[in-house]
Amino acid sequence: MSMQDLPDIDMRICTVCGDCILACPTECLEIMRNIEIALSPQLCISCGICAAVCPVAAIEMRNRDW
């Protein structure tokens, strides 16, 4: 396993607007079943752009195992 700063998306706050997906340079985020955002951690470069563009502050970068 690897430790890395990864987006932690609070789905209680997330509106599934897709801004994070459009902003992500590695396309590591995607909308699943039109109700949640899924992460492919192996593609994430820990840039934090997704958290910066989230209009409702539903994303925080956290050090996590994957």
Protein backbone atom coordinates (compact mmCIF):
# COMPACT_ATOMS: atom_id res chain seq x y z
CA MET A 1 0.00 0.00 0.00
CA SER A 2 1.00 3.57 -0.61
CA MET A 3 0.34 6.75 1.44
CA GLN A 4 -0.55 9.86 -0.52
CA ASP A 5 -2.57 13.06 -0.21
CA LEU A 6 -5.81 12.17 -1.96
CA PRO A 7 -9.13 13.96 -2.38
CA ASP A 8 -11.58 13.09 0.37
CA ILE A 9 -15.04 13.96 -0.94
CA ASP A 10 -17.82 14.57 1.57
CA MET A 11 -20.82 13.23 -0.32
CA ARG A 12 -23.15 14.79 2.25
CA ILE A 13 -22.07 18.20 0.89
CA CYS A 14 -21.14 17.36 -2.72
CA THR A 15 -23.68 18.49 -5.32
CA VAL A 16 -22.11 16.29 -8.06
CA CYS A 17 -21.68 19.41 -10.21
CA GLY A 18 -18.63 17.95 -11.97
CA ASP A 19 -16.34 20.98 -11.53
CA CYS A 20 -13.67 18.80 -9.91
CA ILE A 21 -13.82 16.33 -12.78
CA LEU A 22 -13.41 19.03 -15.41
CA ALA A 23 -10.49 20.61 -13.53
CA CYS A 24 -8.55 17.40 -12.81
CA PRO A 25 -5.45 17.21 -15.03
CA THR A 26 -5.16 13.41 -14.70
CA GLU A 27 -8.85 12.50 -15.00
CA CYS A 28 -8.75 10.52 -11.74
CA LEU A 29 -12.30 11.52 -10.78
CA GLU A 30 -15.56 10.43 -12.37
CA ILE A 31 -19.27 10.59 -11.69
CA MET A 32 -20.74 7.21 -10.78
CA ARG A 33 -24.44 6.42 -11.11
CA ASN A 34 -25.14 10.20 -11.31
CA ILE A 35 -25.00 10.38 -7.51
CA GLU A 36 -21.36 10.26 -6.39
CA ILE A 37 -17.78 11.06 -7.36
CA ALA A 38 -15.36 8.13 -7.58
CA LEU A 39 -11.58 8.38 -7.32
CA SER A 40 -8.92 6.33 -9.10
CA PRO A 41 -6.08 6.89 -6.61
CA GLN A 42 -3.39 5.45 -8.88
CA LEU A 43 -4.00 8.32 -11.32
CA CYS A 44 -4.06 11.11 -8.70
CA ILE A 45 -0.98 13.37 -8.51
CA SER A 46 -2.11 15.10 -5.29
CA CYS A 47 -2.28 18.53 -6.95
CA GLY A 48 -5.36 19.66 -4.98
CA ILE A 49 -6.98 21.40 -7.94
CA CYS A 50 -10.21 19.49 -7.34
CA ALA A 51 -10.43 20.82 -3.79
CA ALA A 52 -9.63 24.35 -4.94
CA VAL A 53 -12.41 24.45 -7.55
CA CYS A 54 -15.15 22.79 -5.50
CA PRO A 55 -17.88 25.44 -5.12
CA VAL A 56 -19.25 23.91 -1.90
CA ALA A 57 -15.92 22.95 -0.24
CA ALA A 58 -16.82 19.25 -0.26
CA ILE A 59 -13.25 18.12 -1.03
CA GLU A 60 -10.28 18.08 1.32
CA MET A 61 -6.88 16.64 0.53
CA ARG A 62 -5.98 14.03 3.17
CA ASN A 63 -3.07 11.66 3.57
CA ARG A 64 -4.60 8.22 2.96
CA ASP A 65 -3.69 4.65 2.12
CA TRP A 66 -4.72 3.21 -1.19
